[in-house]
Each structure stands twice: as structure tokens, then as C-alpha cells.
Amino acid sequence: MSVDPEFGASGDSSRQVRRIRSGHRRRLLDRLTDGAATVSVLARDAGLRIPHASAELRRMRNDGLVASDLPAGSRGARIHLTESGWESVRGDEWIRATEA
């Protein structure tokens, strides 16, 4: 199924629009749309405990959705969305809008 490229998806299987199923992931990605922040700030703003936020951010880094301004594991690193992260957020919003 092909969707509007404005939302970051196409019929190309490498860029399929997917719904974000994890509540923790969605809350962190939503917070990151407001700008980069440290793990502790992201956890606080998303209402998560730091270990849960850190584990989800590690998975998102491995998935290419987020990156940081310092090497992984560095204290004080500011986490930000990558282009893939932005596409994931836009795709999730598009899917939710079409389901409403």
C-alpha cells in the first residue's frame, strides 16, 4: 500500500509506515519532537523511570530512530530524533488519523 510521501512512506518495503505499539516508545518519541534532551529529562517529561527510558532509548538508537551528541553511554548526552525517527512519528500519526 502506498501513501502520501509527505508523511515519509512509500510503496517501497524499506520505508513502510508502521504504528508505534510501545507506549514507552511513543511517549519518548513524542517528547523528542519538542527537541533534544538528556535521558533524565526525557524520562521525567515522559513520566517514565530512568532505567525504563534508558532501555527504550537504547533500543531506539539501535533501530536508528534517535542519536546523541556524545558517544552512546556518555553522561549528559543530548538525545535527538534522526530522520528515521521523524518518519516513524509522522507515519504513526498518519495511521492513527486514518483509523479515527
PDB file of N, CA and C in Angstrom:
ATOM      1  N   MET A   1       0.841  -1.168   0.000  1.00  0.00           N
ATOM      2  CA  MET A   1       0.000   0.000   0.000  1.00  0.00           C
ATOM      3  C   MET A   1       0.891   1.237   0.000  1.00  0.00           C
ATOM      4  N   SER A   2       0.580   2.148  -0.874  1.00  0.00           N
ATOM      5  CA  SER A   2       1.368   3.362  -0.995  1.00  0.00           C
ATOM      6  C   SER A   2       0.621   4.519  -0.337  1.00  0.00           C
ATOM      7  N   VAL A   3       1.359   5.372   0.352  1.00  0.00           N
ATOM      8  CA  VAL A   3       0.745   6.530   0.997  1.00  0.00           C
ATOM      9  C   VAL A   3       1.458   7.788   0.565  1.00  0.00           C
ATOM     10  N   ASP A   4       0.912   8.923   0.919  1.00  0.00           N
ATOM     11  CA  ASP A   4       1.466  10.216   0.561  1.00  0.00           C
ATOM     12  C   ASP A   4       2.909  10.346   1.030  1.00  0.00           C
ATOM     13  N   PRO A   5       3.848  10.664   0.129  1.00  0.00           N
ATOM     14  CA  PRO A   5       5.251  10.784   0.525  1.00  0.00           C
ATOM     15  C   PRO A   5       5.494  11.890   1.550  1.00  0.00           C
ATOM     16  N   GLU A   6       4.584  12.842   1.655  1.00  0.00           N
ATOM     17  CA  GLU A   6       4.726  13.900   2.650  1.00  0.00           C
ATOM     18  C   GLU A   6       4.828  13.311   4.047  1.00  0.00           C
ATOM     19  N   PHE A   7       4.247  12.145   4.244  1.00  0.00           N
ATOM     20  CA  PHE A   7       4.250  11.511   5.553  1.00  0.00           C
ATOM     21  C   PHE A   7       5.406  10.546   5.715  1.00  0.00           C
ATOM     22  N   GLY A   8       6.344  10.530   4.750  1.00  0.00           N
ATOM     23  CA  GLY A   8       7.563   9.751   4.914  1.00  0.00           C
ATOM     24  C   GLY A   8       7.433   8.281   4.594  1.00  0.00           C
ATOM     25  N   ALA A   9       6.461   7.892   3.776  1.00  0.00           N
ATOM     26  CA  ALA A   9       6.315   6.485   3.454  1.00  0.00           C
ATOM     27  C   ALA A   9       6.052   6.336   1.962  1.00  0.00           C
ATOM     28  N   SER A  10       6.307   5.163   1.465  1.00  0.00           N
ATOM     29  CA  SER A  10       6.042   4.871   0.064  1.00  0.00           C
ATOM     30  C   SER A  10       5.729   3.397  -0.066  1.00  0.00           C
ATOM     31  N   GLY A  11       5.481   2.957  -1.272  1.00  0.00           N
ATOM     32  CA  GLY A  11       5.227   1.552  -1.502  1.00  0.00           C
ATOM     33  C   GLY A  11       6.478   0.713  -1.304  1.00  0.00           C
ATOM     34  N   ASP A  12       7.622   1.341  -1.244  1.00  0.00           N
ATOM     35  CA  ASP A  12       8.905   0.680  -1.023  1.00  0.00           C
ATOM     36  C   ASP A  12       8.891   0.004   0.351  1.00  0.00           C
ATOM     37  N   SER A  13       9.153  -1.296   0.396  1.00  0.00           N
ATOM     38  CA  SER A  13       9.063  -2.044   1.658  1.00  0.00           C
ATOM     39  C   SER A  13      10.076  -1.591   2.692  1.00  0.00           C
ATOM     40  N   SER A  14      11.153  -0.898   2.263  1.00  0.00           N
ATOM     41  CA  SER A  14      12.143  -0.441   3.228  1.00  0.00           C
ATOM     42  C   SER A  14      11.656   0.772   4.015  1.00  0.00           C
ATOM     43  N   ARG A  15      10.565   1.392   3.575  1.00  0.00           N
ATOM     44  CA  ARG A  15      10.060   2.583   4.252  1.00  0.00           C
ATOM     45  C   ARG A  15       8.563   2.448   4.532  1.00  0.00           C
ATOM     46  N   GLN A  16       8.136   1.319   5.038  1.00  0.00           N
ATOM     47  CA  GLN A  16       6.727   1.105   5.333  1.00  0.00           C
ATOM     48  C   GLN A  16       6.305   1.910   6.549  1.00  0.00           C
ATOM     49  N   VAL A  17       5.067   2.434   6.475  1.00  0.00           N
ATOM     50  CA  VAL A  17       4.501   3.152   7.607  1.00  0.00           C
ATOM     51  C   VAL A  17       4.067   2.119   8.635  1.00  0.00           C
ATOM     52  N   ARG A  18       4.469   2.329   9.883  1.00  0.00           N
ATOM     53  CA  ARG A  18       4.106   1.389  10.947  1.00  0.00           C
ATOM     54  C   ARG A  18       3.562   2.151  12.134  1.00  0.00           C
ATOM     55  N   ARG A  19       2.660   1.501  12.815  1.00  0.00           N
ATOM     56  CA  ARG A  19       2.130   2.054  14.047  1.00  0.00           C
ATOM     57  C   ARG A  19       3.125   1.767  15.172  1.00  0.00           C
ATOM     58  N   ILE A  20       3.340   2.751  16.040  1.00  0.00           N
ATOM     59  CA  ILE A  20       4.217   2.559  17.195  1.00  0.00           C
ATOM     60  C   ILE A  20       3.382   1.868  18.269  1.00  0.00           C
ATOM     61  N   ARG A  21       3.733   0.638  18.597  1.00  0.00           N
ATOM     62  CA  ARG A  21       2.921  -0.147  19.522  1.00  0.00           C
ATOM     63  C   ARG A  21       3.323   0.031  20.977  1.00  0.00           C
ATOM     64  N   SER A  22       4.580   0.365  21.229  1.00  0.00           N
ATOM     65  CA  SER A  22       5.057   0.522  22.590  1.00  0.00           C
ATOM     66  C   SER A  22       4.672   1.894  23.140  1.00  0.00           C
ATOM     67  N   GLY A  23       3.988   1.892  24.271  1.00  0.00           N
ATOM     68  CA  GLY A  23       3.610   3.151  24.910  1.00  0.00           C
ATOM     69  C   GLY A  23       4.825   3.951  25.346  1.00  0.00           C
ATOM     70  N   HIS A  24       5.853   3.264  25.878  1.00  0.00           N
ATOM     71  CA  HIS A  24       7.071   3.962  26.286  1.00  0.00           C
ATOM     72  C   HIS A  24       7.747   4.616  25.087  1.00  0.00           C
ATOM     73  N   ARG A  25       7.836   3.871  23.996  1.00  0.00           N
ATOM     74  CA  ARG A  25       8.477   4.400  22.792  1.00  0.00           C
ATOM     75  C   ARG A  25       7.706   5.603  22.268  1.00  0.00           C
ATOM     76  N   ARG A  26       6.393   5.494  22.223  1.00  0.00           N
ATOM     77  CA  ARG A  26       5.581   6.596  21.708  1.00  0.00           C
ATOM     78  C   ARG A  26       5.748   7.840  22.568  1.00  0.00           C
ATOM     79  N   ARG A  27       5.732   7.682  23.909  1.00  0.00           N
ATOM     80  CA  ARG A  27       5.877   8.829  24.801  1.00  0.00           C
ATOM     81  C   ARG A  27       7.231   9.492  24.633  1.00  0.00           C
ATOM     82  N   LEU A  28       8.292   8.700  24.494  1.00  0.00           N
ATOM     83  CA  LEU A  28       9.621   9.267  24.304  1.00  0.00           C
ATOM     84  C   LEU A  28       9.751   9.955  22.943  1.00  0.00           C
ATOM     85  N   LEU A  29       9.253   9.323  21.888  1.00  0.00           N
ATOM     86  CA  LEU A  29       9.304   9.938  20.568  1.00  0.00           C
ATOM     87  C   LEU A  29       8.494  11.228  20.539  1.00  0.00           C
ATOM     88  N   ASP A  30       7.312  11.217  21.152  1.00  0.00           N
ATOM     89  CA  ASP A  30       6.501  12.437  21.204  1.00  0.00           C
ATOM     90  C   ASP A  30       7.252  13.545  21.921  1.00  0.00           C
ATOM     91  N   ARG A  31       7.908  13.214  23.025  1.00  0.00           N
ATOM     92  CA  ARG A  31       8.673  14.232  23.758  1.00  0.00           C
ATOM     93  C   ARG A  31       9.826  14.760  22.922  1.00  0.00           C
ATOM     94  N   LEU A  32      10.486  13.873  22.172  1.00  0.00           N
ATOM     95  CA  LEU A  32      11.625  14.283  21.352  1.00  0.00           C
ATOM     96  C   LEU A  32      11.224  15.188  20.194  1.00  0.00           C
ATOM     97  N   THR A  33       9.960  15.206  19.805  1.00  0.00           N
ATOM     98  CA  THR A  33       9.522  16.136  18.762  1.00  0.00           C
ATOM     99  C   THR A  33       9.616  17.581  19.252  1.00  0.00           C
ATOM    100  N   ASP A  34       9.697  17.779  20.561  1.00  0.00           N
ATOM    101  CA  ASP A  34       9.850  19.121  21.140  1.00  0.00           C
ATOM    102  C   ASP A  34      11.305  19.553  21.216  1.00  0.00           C
ATOM    103  N   GLY A  35      12.235  18.645  20.971  1.00  0.00           N
ATOM    104  CA  GLY A  35      13.651  18.985  20.993  1.00  0.00           C
ATOM    105  C   GLY A  35      14.478  17.965  21.751  1.00  0.00           C
ATOM    106  N   ALA A  36      15.786  18.083  21.604  1.00  0.00           N
ATOM    107  CA  ALA A  36      16.729  17.160  22.227  1.00  0.00           C
ATOM    108  C   ALA A  36      16.767  17.361  23.742  1.00  0.00           C
ATOM    109  N   ALA A  37      17.115  16.297  24.451  1.00  0.00           N
ATOM    110  CA  ALA A  37      17.213  16.357  25.911  1.00  0.00           C
ATOM    111  C   ALA A  37      18.037  15.185  26.413  1.00  0.00           C
ATOM    112  N   THR A  38      18.443  15.269  27.675  1.00  0.00           N
ATOM    113  CA  THR A  38      19.175  14.170  28.306  1.00  0.00           C
ATOM    114  C   THR A  38      18.200  13.058  28.672  1.00  0.00           C
ATOM    115  N   VAL A  39      18.730  11.895  28.984  1.00  0.00           N
ATOM    116  CA  VAL A  39      17.900  10.749  29.360  1.00  0.00           C
ATOM    117  C   VAL A  39      17.041  11.087  30.577  1.00  0.00           C
ATOM    118  N   SER A  40      17.629  11.731  31.578  1.00  0.00           N
ATOM    119  CA  SER A  40      16.858  12.031  32.791  1.00  0.00           C
ATOM    120  C   SER A  40      15.718  13.003  32.508  1.00  0.00           C
ATOM    121  N   VAL A  41      15.946  13.993  31.668  1.00  0.00           N
ATOM    122  CA  VAL A  41      14.879  14.941  31.315  1.00  0.00           C
ATOM    123  C   VAL A  41      13.797  14.235  30.496  1.00  0.00           C
ATOM    124  N   LEU A  42      14.217  13.406  29.550  1.00  0.00           N
ATOM    125  CA  LEU A  42      13.243  12.663  28.743  1.00  0.00           C
ATOM    126  C   LEU A  42      12.397  11.753  29.619  1.00  0.00           C
ATOM    127  N   ALA A  43      13.037  11.060  30.558  1.00  0.00           N
ATOM    128  CA  ALA A  43      12.307  10.162  31.455  1.00  0.00           C
ATOM    129  C   ALA A  43      11.294  10.949  32.273  1.00  0.00           C
ATOM    130  N   ARG A  44      11.740  12.054  32.847  1.00  0.00           N
ATOM    131  CA  ARG A  44      10.833  12.872  33.664  1.00  0.00           C
ATOM    132  C   ARG A  44       9.648  13.382  32.837  1.00  0.00           C
ATOM    133  N   ASP A  45       9.938  13.949  31.672  1.00  0.00           N
ATOM    134  CA  ASP A  45       8.878  14.519  30.837  1.00  0.00           C
ATOM    135  C   ASP A  45       7.917  13.467  30.298  1.00  0.00           C
ATOM    136  N   ALA A  46       8.408  12.255  30.080  1.00  0.00           N
ATOM    137  CA  ALA A  46       7.559  11.174  29.559  1.00  0.00           C
ATOM    138  C   ALA A  46       6.887  10.385  30.680  1.00  0.00           C
ATOM    139  N   GLY A  47       7.205  10.709  31.927  1.00  0.00           N
ATOM    140  CA  GLY A  47       6.594  10.001  33.052  1.00  0.00           C
ATOM    141  C   GLY A  47       7.110   8.580  33.216  1.00  0.00           C
ATOM    142  N   LEU A  48       8.388   8.379  32.902  1.00  0.00           N
ATOM    143  CA  LEU A  48       8.994   7.050  32.995  1.00  0.00           C
ATOM    144  C   LEU A  48      10.117   7.063  34.013  1.00  0.00           C
ATOM    145  N   ARG A  49      10.420   5.897  34.557  1.00  0.00           N
ATOM    146  CA  ARG A  49      11.607   5.759  35.393  1.00  0.00           C
ATOM    147  C   ARG A  49      12.826   5.762  34.474  1.00  0.00           C
ATOM    148  N   ILE A  50      13.937   6.282  34.971  1.00  0.00           N
ATOM    149  CA  ILE A  50      15.147   6.413  34.152  1.00  0.00           C
ATOM    150  C   ILE A  50      15.594   5.079  33.543  1.00  0.00           C
ATOM    151  N   PRO A  51      15.609   3.961  34.294  1.00  0.00           N
ATOM    152  CA  PRO A  51      16.037   2.698  33.661  1.00  0.00           C
ATOM    153  C   PRO A  51      15.143   2.285  32.493  1.00  0.00           C
ATOM    154  N   HIS A  52      13.830   2.526  32.613  1.00  0.00           N
ATOM    155  CA  HIS A  52      12.914   2.167  31.521  1.00  0.00           C
ATOM    156  C   HIS A  52      13.144   3.056  30.313  1.00  0.00           C
ATOM    157  N   ALA A  53      13.307   4.355  30.555  1.00  0.00           N
ATOM    158  CA  ALA A  53      13.567   5.288  29.456  1.00  0.00           C
ATOM    159  C   ALA A  53      14.905   4.959  28.790  1.00  0.00           C
ATOM    160  N   SER A  54      15.925   4.694  29.588  1.00  0.00           N
ATOM    161  CA  SER A  54      17.246   4.392  29.060  1.00  0.00           C
ATOM    162  C   SER A  54      17.224   3.137  28.195  1.00  0.00           C
ATOM    163  N   ALA A  55      16.535   2.103  28.650  1.00  0.00           N
ATOM    164  CA  ALA A  55      16.454   0.851  27.879  1.00  0.00           C
ATOM    165  C   ALA A  55      15.723   1.076  26.558  1.00  0.00           C
ATOM    166  N   GLU A  56      14.629   1.829  26.585  1.00  0.00           N
ATOM    167  CA  GLU A  56      13.879   2.086  25.350  1.00  0.00           C
ATOM    168  C   GLU A  56      14.693   2.968  24.412  1.00  0.00           C
ATOM    169  N   LEU A  57      15.397   3.963  24.935  1.00  0.00           N
ATOM    170  CA  LEU A  57      16.244   4.819  24.098  1.00  0.00           C
ATOM    171  C   LEU A  57      17.375   4.012  23.457  1.00  0.00           C
ATOM    172  N   ARG A  58      17.921   3.048  24.178  1.00  0.00           N
ATOM    173  CA  ARG A  58      18.958   2.174  23.615  1.00  0.00           C
ATOM    174  C   ARG A  58      18.383   1.377  22.438  1.00  0.00           C
ATOM    175  N   ARG A  59      17.170   0.840  22.604  1.00  0.00           N
ATOM    176  CA  ARG A  59      16.528   0.104  21.502  1.00  0.00           C
ATOM    177  C   ARG A  59      16.260   1.033  20.317  1.00  0.00           C
ATOM    178  N   MET A  60      15.812   2.265  20.611  1.00  0.00           N
ATOM    179  CA  MET A  60      15.537   3.216  19.530  1.00  0.00           C
ATOM    180  C   MET A  60      16.833   3.634  18.830  1.00  0.00           C
ATOM    181  N   ARG A  61      17.934   3.749  19.568  1.00  0.00           N
ATOM    182  CA  ARG A  61      19.233   4.062  18.957  1.00  0.00           C
ATOM    183  C   ARG A  61      19.636   2.919  18.030  1.00  0.00           C
ATOM    184  N   ASN A  62      19.464   1.678  18.481  1.00  0.00           N
ATOM    185  CA  ASN A  62      19.794   0.511  17.654  1.00  0.00           C
ATOM    186  C   ASN A  62      18.918   0.447  16.406  1.00  0.00           C
ATOM    187  N   ASP A  63      17.676   0.923  16.511  1.00  0.00           N
ATOM    188  CA  ASP A  63      16.748   0.942  15.376  1.00  0.00           C
ATOM    189  C   ASP A  63      16.970   2.151  14.476  1.00  0.00           C
ATOM    190  N   GLY A  64      17.878   3.049  14.874  1.00  0.00           N
ATOM    191  CA  GLY A  64      18.185   4.223  14.063  1.00  0.00           C
ATOM    192  C   GLY A  64      17.192   5.363  14.196  1.00  0.00           C
ATOM    193  N   LEU A  65      16.362   5.344  15.239  1.00  0.00           N
ATOM    194  CA  LEU A  65      15.350   6.391  15.417  1.00  0.00           C
ATOM    195  C   LEU A  65      15.875   7.600  16.161  1.00  0.00           C
ATOM    196  N   VAL A  66      16.880   7.407  17.015  1.00  0.00           N
ATOM    197  CA  VAL A  66      17.464   8.507  17.775  1.00  0.00           C
ATOM    198  C   VAL A  66      18.983   8.431  17.706  1.00  0.00           C
ATOM    199  N   ALA A  67      19.611   9.555  17.995  1.00  0.00           N
ATOM    200  CA  ALA A  67      21.069   9.642  18.079  1.00  0.00           C
ATOM    201  C   ALA A  67      21.397  10.622  19.192  1.00  0.00           C
ATOM    202  N   SER A  68      22.664  10.689  19.571  1.00  0.00           N
ATOM    203  CA  SER A  68      23.052  11.631  20.613  1.00  0.00           C
ATOM    204  C   SER A  68      24.259  12.438  20.164  1.00  0.00           C
ATOM    205  N   ASP A  69      24.486  13.538  20.870  1.00  0.00           N
ATOM    206  CA  ASP A  69      25.596  14.415  20.525  1.00  0.00           C
ATOM    207  C   ASP A  69      26.926  13.919  21.095  1.00  0.00           C
ATOM    208  N   LEU A  70      26.888  12.894  21.940  1.00  0.00           N
ATOM    209  CA  LEU A  70      28.082  12.278  22.519  1.00  0.00           C
ATOM    210  C   LEU A  70      28.019  10.770  22.264  1.00  0.00           C
ATOM    211  N   PRO A  71      29.123  10.043  22.428  1.00  0.00           N
ATOM    212  CA  PRO A  71      29.076   8.590  22.245  1.00  0.00           C
ATOM    213  C   PRO A  71      28.041   7.935  23.169  1.00  0.00           C
ATOM    214  N   ALA A  72      27.452   6.849  22.710  1.00  0.00           N
ATOM    215  CA  ALA A  72      26.441   6.122  23.495  1.00  0.00           C
ATOM    216  C   ALA A  72      26.976   5.817  24.886  1.00  0.00           C
ATOM    217  N   GLY A  73      26.151   6.037  25.895  1.00  0.00           N
ATOM    218  CA  GLY A  73      26.523   5.741  27.270  1.00  0.00           C
ATOM    219  C   GLY A  73      27.179   6.900  28.000  1.00  0.00           C
ATOM    220  N   SER A  74      27.453   7.987  27.304  1.00  0.00           N
ATOM    221  CA  SER A  74      28.088   9.148  27.940  1.00  0.00           C
ATOM    222  C   SER A  74      27.072   9.908  28.787  1.00  0.00           C
ATOM    223  N   ARG A  75      27.487  10.316  29.970  1.00  0.00           N
ATOM    224  CA  ARG A  75      26.621  11.122  30.825  1.00  0.00           C
ATOM    225  C   ARG A  75      26.432  12.506  30.220  1.00  0.00           C
ATOM    226  N   GLY A  76      25.205  12.992  30.317  1.00  0.00           N
ATOM    227  CA  GLY A  76      24.899  14.335  29.838  1.00  0.00           C
ATOM    228  C   GLY A  76      24.665  14.441  28.347  1.00  0.00           C
ATOM    229  N   ALA A  77      24.669  13.308  27.639  1.00  0.00           N
ATOM    230  CA  ALA A  77      24.436  13.345  26.194  1.00  0.00           C
ATOM    231  C   ALA A  77      23.002  13.786  25.919  1.00  0.00           C
ATOM    232  N   ARG A  78      22.839  14.623  24.902  1.00  0.00           N
ATOM    233  CA  ARG A  78      21.505  15.067  24.491  1.00  0.00           C
ATOM    234  C   ARG A  78      21.035  14.174  23.345  1.00  0.00           C
ATOM    235  N   ILE A  79      19.892  13.554  23.548  1.00  0.00           N
ATOM    236  CA  ILE A  79      19.307  12.630  22.580  1.00  0.00           C
ATOM    237  C   ILE A  79      18.393  13.426  21.647  1.00  0.00           C
ATOM    238  N   HIS A  80      18.434  13.116  20.357  1.00  0.00           N
ATOM    239  CA  HIS A  80      17.565  13.789  19.387  1.00  0.00           C
ATOM    240  C   HIS A  80      17.056  12.779  18.366  1.00  0.00           C
ATOM    241  N   LEU A  81      15.979  13.142  17.679  1.00  0.00           N
ATOM    242  CA  LEU A  81      15.419  12.289  16.639  1.00  0.00           C
ATOM    243  C   LEU A  81      16.284  12.328  15.388  1.00  0.00           C
ATOM    244  N   THR A  82      16.399  11.191  14.735  1.00  0.00           N
ATOM    245  CA  THR A  82      17.031  11.129  13.421  1.00  0.00           C
ATOM    246  C   THR A  82      15.930  11.301  12.380  1.00  0.00           C
ATOM    247  N   GLU A  83      16.290  11.347  11.120  1.00  0.00           N
ATOM    248  CA  GLU A  83      15.278  11.443  10.065  1.00  0.00           C
ATOM    249  C   GLU A  83      14.344  10.230  10.120  1.00  0.00           C
ATOM    250  N   SER A  84      14.895   9.050  10.403  1.00  0.00           N
ATOM    251  CA  SER A  84      14.052   7.851  10.535  1.00  0.00           C
ATOM    252  C   SER A  84      13.094   7.981  11.710  1.00  0.00           C
ATOM    253  N   GLY A  85      13.556   8.614  12.780  1.00  0.00           N
ATOM    254  CA  GLY A  85      12.688   8.850  13.933  1.00  0.00           C
ATOM    255  C   GLY A  85      11.529   9.757  13.582  1.00  0.00           C
ATOM    256  N   TRP A  86      11.837  10.837  12.854  1.00  0.00           N
ATOM    257  CA  TRP A  86      10.770  11.752  12.420  1.00  0.00           C
ATOM    258  C   TRP A  86       9.775  11.024  11.516  1.00  0.00           C
ATOM    259  N   GLU A  87      10.284  10.192  10.603  1.00  0.00           N
ATOM    260  CA  GLU A  87       9.400   9.432   9.714  1.00  0.00           C
ATOM    261  C   GLU A  87       8.516   8.480  10.509  1.00  0.00           C
ATOM    262  N   SER A  88       9.072   7.865  11.539  1.00  0.00           N
ATOM    263  CA  SER A  88       8.305   6.951  12.385  1.00  0.00           C
ATOM    264  C   SER A  88       7.171   7.687  13.096  1.00  0.00           C
ATOM    265  N   VAL A  89       7.465   8.867  13.631  1.00  0.00           N
ATOM    266  CA  VAL A  89       6.440   9.664  14.319  1.00  0.00           C
ATOM    267  C   VAL A  89       5.360  10.089  13.333  1.00  0.00           C
ATOM    268  N   ARG A  90       5.763  10.607  12.172  1.00  0.00           N
ATOM    269  CA  ARG A  90       4.774  11.046  11.177  1.00  0.00           C
ATOM    270  C   ARG A  90       3.924   9.877  10.691  1.00  0.00           C
ATOM    271  N   GLY A  91       4.562   8.729  10.451  1.00  0.00           N
ATOM    272  CA  GLY A  91       3.820   7.554   9.997  1.00  0.00           C
ATOM    273  C   GLY A  91       2.818   7.078  11.034  1.00  0.00           C
ATOM    274  N   ASP A  92       3.228   7.067  12.297  1.00  0.00           N
ATOM    275  CA  ASP A  92       2.327   6.651  13.370  1.00  0.00           C
ATOM    276  C   ASP A  92       1.135   7.602  13.472  1.00  0.00           C
ATOM    277  N   GLU A  93       1.402   8.900  13.378  1.00  0.00           N
ATOM    278  CA  GLU A  93       0.314   9.879  13.439  1.00  0.00           C
ATOM    279  C   GLU A  93      -0.640   9.706  12.270  1.00  0.00           C
ATOM    280  N   TRP A  94      -0.094   9.428  11.068  1.00  0.00           N
ATOM    281  CA  TRP A  94      -0.926   9.246   9.893  1.00  0.00           C
ATOM    282  C   TRP A  94      -1.832   8.012  10.060  1.00  0.00           C
ATOM    283  N   ILE A  95      -1.254   6.912  10.522  1.00  0.00           N
ATOM    284  CA  ILE A  95      -2.033   5.689  10.726  1.00  0.00           C
ATOM    285  C   ILE A  95      -3.143   5.918  11.748  1.00  0.00           C
ATOM    286  N   ARG A  96      -2.815   6.551  12.876  1.00  0.00           N
ATOM    287  CA  ARG A  96      -3.816   6.822  13.902  1.00  0.00           C
ATOM    288  C   ARG A  96      -4.915   7.731  13.390  1.00  0.00           C
ATOM    289  N   ALA A  97      -4.563   8.711  12.559  1.00  0.00           N
ATOM    290  CA  ALA A  97      -5.564   9.618  11.996  1.00  0.00           C
ATOM    291  C   ALA A  97      -6.509   8.877  11.051  1.00  0.00           C
ATOM    292  N   THR A  98      -5.964   7.971  10.244  1.00  0.00           N
ATOM    293  CA  THR A  98      -6.812   7.230   9.309  1.00  0.00           C
ATOM    294  C   THR A  98      -7.688   6.206  10.030  1.00  0.00           C
ATOM    295  N   GLU A  99      -7.272   5.756  11.208  1.00  0.00           N
ATOM    296  CA  GLU A  99      -8.075   4.802  11.988  1.00  0.00           C
ATOM    297  C   GLU A  99      -9.177   5.487  12.776  1.00  0.00           C
ATOM    298  N   ALA A 100      -9.043   6.790  12.967  1.00  0.00           N
ATOM    299  CA  ALA A 100     -10.035   7.522  13.791  1.00  0.00           C
ATOM    300  C   ALA A 100     -11.327   7.735  13.063  1.00  0.00           C
TER     301      ALA A 100
END
